[in-house]
Amino acid sequence: MSLSQPAVARKKIHDRRIQLEGWRREDGLWDIEGRLIDTKEHDYSLGSGMRKKGDAVHDMQVRITIDQHFNVVAAEARSNAVPYPGCESIAPKYQQLVGLNLMHDFRRNVHALFGVLKGCSHITELLMVMPAVAFQTFASDLTEESGFGASEKPFPLDKCHALESTTETVRLYYPKWYRGERENEAGAQVPNVDNSAVSA
């Protein structure tokens, strides 16, 4: 189902396209790539010159290479189109991502390294969604029944309202990790036991 039709007439002014992809490499590592492109629906005047309708005002790319534990082992950023000279010079700084882990304070660490004046806001924006993209890339190898350690809670749980561990959804699809109430033989509601140490 799409959004409702706008109630009033309107004219498109700006277009931002964000694309993220996950790749499995032949060497056992994984590449997560992102690209952000901004264009205008009209000729756009900047202090640095005119951008014609449809020309990229921003075109930034970033690639991080991770191992199976989500550790960043390589990083590369590139600015193909920028609004002002000098914007592109910050891209090599993103090699500082090496050594971070996507699942352990990644966003906080990225902000500490590149927040505000220390990085490109558009490249940093792409990085903010890479943990989720990485997980989705791995998801084909990680199912409810396999791919997780016996005592390791699946990553999606308790990350959104539908997969909060007390919901019916978790009871149906991740019963081992369900933390809601259950009925005893007499029909009384009793707390569910903690199954975190139970083998799959």
Protein backbone atom coordinates (compact mmCIF):
# COMPACT_ATOMS: atom_id res chain seq x y z
CA MET A 1 0.00 0.00 0.00
CA SER A 2 1.40 3.37 -1.00
CA LEU A 3 1.00 6.77 0.65
CA SER A 4 -2.26 8.63 0.17
CA GLN A 5 -2.58 11.06 -2.70
CA PRO A 6 -1.49 14.62 -1.78
CA ALA A 7 -4.43 16.86 -0.92
CA VAL A 8 -3.07 19.83 -2.89
CA ALA A 9 -1.12 20.36 -6.10
CA ARG A 10 2.64 20.37 -5.68
CA LYS A 11 5.92 20.60 -7.62
CA LYS A 12 8.95 18.42 -7.05
CA ILE A 13 12.02 20.46 -6.07
CA HIS A 14 14.68 18.09 -4.79
CA ASP A 15 15.62 14.45 -5.20
CA ARG A 16 17.87 12.48 -2.85
CA ARG A 17 18.62 8.90 -3.79
CA ILE A 18 20.27 6.59 -1.30
CA GLN A 19 21.32 3.10 -2.31
CA LEU A 20 22.95 0.49 -0.09
CA GLU A 21 24.16 -2.95 -1.11
CA GLY A 22 25.71 -5.95 0.59
CA TRP A 23 28.19 -8.21 -1.17
CA ARG A 24 29.68 -11.58 -0.23
CA ARG A 25 33.32 -11.75 -1.32
CA GLU A 26 35.22 -14.82 -2.45
CA ASP A 27 37.80 -14.34 0.31
CA GLY A 28 35.23 -14.83 3.08
CA LEU A 29 34.78 -11.13 3.81
CA TRP A 30 31.77 -8.91 3.07
CA ASP A 31 31.46 -5.49 1.42
CA ILE A 32 28.75 -3.05 2.42
CA GLU A 33 28.48 -0.17 -0.04
CA GLY A 34 26.43 3.01 0.04
CA ARG A 35 25.84 5.88 -2.35
CA LEU A 36 24.00 9.18 -1.89
CA ILE A 37 23.07 11.44 -4.83
CA ASP A 38 21.31 14.81 -4.57
CA THR A 39 19.83 16.50 -7.66
CA LYS A 40 17.52 19.45 -8.23
CA GLU A 41 14.52 19.71 -10.52
CA HIS A 42 15.69 23.12 -11.70
CA ASP A 43 18.93 24.98 -12.40
CA TYR A 44 20.52 25.59 -9.02
CA SER A 45 22.87 28.47 -8.25
CA LEU A 46 25.64 27.96 -5.72
CA GLY A 47 28.48 30.25 -4.73
CA SER A 48 30.75 27.83 -6.56
CA GLY A 49 28.70 27.96 -9.75
CA MET A 50 25.51 26.81 -11.43
CA ARG A 51 24.31 23.22 -11.31
CA LYS A 52 22.02 22.39 -14.19
CA LYS A 53 18.74 20.60 -13.59
CA GLY A 54 19.52 16.94 -12.93
CA ASP A 55 23.24 17.47 -12.29
CA ALA A 56 24.46 15.98 -9.02
CA VAL A 57 25.01 18.48 -6.23
CA HIS A 58 26.22 15.66 -4.00
CA ASP A 59 27.40 12.23 -5.11
CA MET A 60 29.15 10.36 -2.31
CA GLN A 61 30.09 6.71 -2.01
CA VAL A 62 31.45 4.62 0.85
CA ARG A 63 32.46 0.99 1.16
CA ILE A 64 33.31 -0.88 4.32
CA THR A 65 34.66 -4.41 4.33
CA ILE A 66 33.76 -6.56 7.32
CA ASP A 67 34.49 -10.04 8.60
CA GLN A 68 31.92 -12.54 9.85
CA HIS A 69 31.98 -10.89 13.28
CA PHE A 70 31.08 -7.45 11.82
CA ASN A 71 34.58 -6.04 12.38
CA VAL A 72 35.59 -3.38 9.85
CA VAL A 73 38.80 -4.51 8.15
CA ALA A 74 38.89 -1.96 5.31
CA ALA A 75 37.11 1.29 4.44
CA GLU A 76 37.00 3.60 1.45
CA ALA A 77 35.02 6.78 0.72
CA ARG A 78 34.76 8.88 -2.41
CA SER A 79 33.13 12.19 -3.31
CA ASN A 80 32.27 12.24 -7.01
CA ALA A 81 30.32 15.50 -6.98
CA VAL A 82 30.46 18.18 -4.29
CA PRO A 83 28.94 21.65 -3.91
CA TYR A 84 32.21 23.35 -2.92
CA PRO A 85 35.91 22.74 -3.57
CA GLY A 86 37.51 21.01 -0.60
CA CYS A 87 34.51 18.84 0.28
CA GLU A 88 36.17 15.87 -1.39
CA SER A 89 39.37 16.16 0.66
CA ILE A 90 37.81 14.56 3.75
CA ALA A 91 37.09 11.18 2.10
CA PRO A 92 40.45 9.53 2.99
CA LYS A 93 39.76 10.19 6.69
CA TYR A 94 37.11 7.48 6.62
CA GLN A 95 39.84 4.84 6.68
CA GLN A 96 39.68 5.48 10.44
CA LEU A 97 36.63 3.19 10.43
CA VAL A 98 38.99 0.21 10.36
CA GLY A 99 38.87 -1.55 13.71
CA LEU A 100 35.29 -0.57 14.57
CA ASN A 101 32.57 -3.18 14.94
CA LEU A 102 29.18 -2.60 13.32
CA MET A 103 27.28 -4.20 16.19
CA HIS A 104 29.09 -2.56 19.11
CA ASP A 105 28.56 1.21 19.47
CA PHE A 106 29.22 1.77 15.77
CA ARG A 107 27.04 4.86 15.39
CA ARG A 108 28.42 6.45 18.55
CA ASN A 109 31.99 5.77 17.42
CA VAL A 110 31.33 7.15 13.94
CA HIS A 111 29.92 10.33 15.47
CA ALA A 112 32.98 10.65 17.72
CA LEU A 113 35.30 10.28 14.73
CA PHE A 114 33.45 12.36 12.14
CA GLY A 115 30.71 14.37 13.84
CA VAL A 116 30.05 17.93 12.62
CA LEU A 117 33.35 19.42 11.36
CA LYS A 118 35.48 16.26 11.28
CA GLY A 119 33.78 14.54 8.37
CA CYS A 120 31.31 14.75 5.49
CA SER A 121 27.73 14.78 6.78
CA HIS A 122 26.53 12.84 3.73
CA ILE A 123 29.10 10.04 4.00
CA THR A 124 28.44 9.85 7.72
CA GLU A 125 24.70 9.63 7.02
CA LEU A 126 25.31 6.58 4.83
CA LEU A 127 27.33 4.94 7.59
CA MET A 128 24.48 5.25 10.09
CA VAL A 129 22.40 2.61 8.31
CA MET A 130 25.21 0.20 7.51
CA PRO A 131 24.80 -2.01 10.62
CA ALA A 132 21.25 -2.86 9.53
CA VAL A 133 22.34 -3.41 5.93
CA ALA A 134 25.13 -5.69 7.10
CA PHE A 135 22.72 -7.72 9.17
CA GLN A 136 20.31 -8.04 6.25
CA THR A 137 23.23 -9.15 4.09
CA PHE A 138 24.08 -11.87 6.61
CA ALA A 139 20.40 -12.76 7.14
CA SER A 140 20.29 -15.41 4.41
CA ASP A 141 22.75 -17.43 6.50
CA LEU A 142 21.11 -16.70 9.88
CA THR A 143 17.64 -18.12 10.39
CA GLU A 144 15.45 -18.60 13.46
CA GLU A 145 16.64 -22.19 13.72
CA SER A 146 20.26 -21.96 12.64
CA GLY A 147 23.16 -19.58 12.40
CA PHE A 148 23.03 -18.23 15.96
CA GLY A 149 24.92 -19.65 18.91
CA ALA A 150 22.85 -21.65 21.39
CA SER A 151 22.95 -18.81 23.92
CA GLU A 152 23.09 -15.91 21.45
CA LYS A 153 19.88 -13.93 21.05
CA PRO A 154 19.04 -13.33 17.37
CA PHE A 155 19.93 -9.79 16.40
CA PRO A 156 16.42 -8.60 15.37
CA LEU A 157 14.87 -9.30 18.75
CA ASP A 158 14.09 -6.29 20.94
CA LYS A 159 15.07 -3.92 18.14
CA CYS A 160 11.49 -2.92 17.18
CA HIS A 161 7.96 -3.10 18.58
CA ALA A 162 6.93 -6.17 16.57
CA LEU A 163 9.94 -8.18 17.73
CA GLU A 164 9.90 -7.14 21.36
CA SER A 165 10.47 -10.38 23.28
CA THR A 166 7.04 -10.41 24.94
CA THR A 167 5.04 -10.20 21.69
CA GLU A 168 2.97 -12.87 20.00
CA THR A 169 5.25 -12.58 16.96
CA VAL A 170 8.27 -13.66 19.00
CA ARG A 171 6.23 -16.43 20.63
CA LEU A 172 5.37 -17.81 17.19
CA TYR A 173 8.65 -17.37 15.34
CA TYR A 174 11.31 -17.26 18.07
CA PRO A 175 9.71 -19.35 20.85
CA LYS A 176 13.02 -19.99 22.58
CA TRP A 177 13.41 -16.26 23.21
CA TYR A 178 9.80 -15.47 24.13
CA ARG A 179 9.58 -13.64 27.48
CA GLY A 180 5.84 -13.08 27.72
CA GLU A 181 3.32 -14.78 29.94
CA ARG A 182 2.06 -18.30 29.40
CA GLU A 183 -0.79 -20.30 30.82
CA ASN A 184 -0.18 -23.16 33.24
CA GLU A 185 -2.27 -26.31 33.13
CA ALA A 186 -4.95 -24.66 35.27
CA GLY A 187 -5.22 -21.73 32.86
CA ALA A 188 -3.53 -19.19 35.13
CA GLN A 189 -1.10 -16.68 33.68
CA VAL A 190 2.46 -17.25 34.88
CA PRO A 191 5.72 -15.60 33.82
CA ASN A 192 7.55 -17.42 31.08
CA VAL A 193 10.84 -19.02 32.12
CA ASP A 194 14.14 -17.62 30.98
CA ASN A 195 15.24 -19.92 28.20
CA SER A 196 18.44 -18.06 27.37
CA ALA A 197 20.61 -20.98 28.46
CA VAL A 198 18.53 -23.66 26.74
CA SER A 199 20.03 -25.25 23.67
CA ALA A 200 18.25 -24.82 20.37
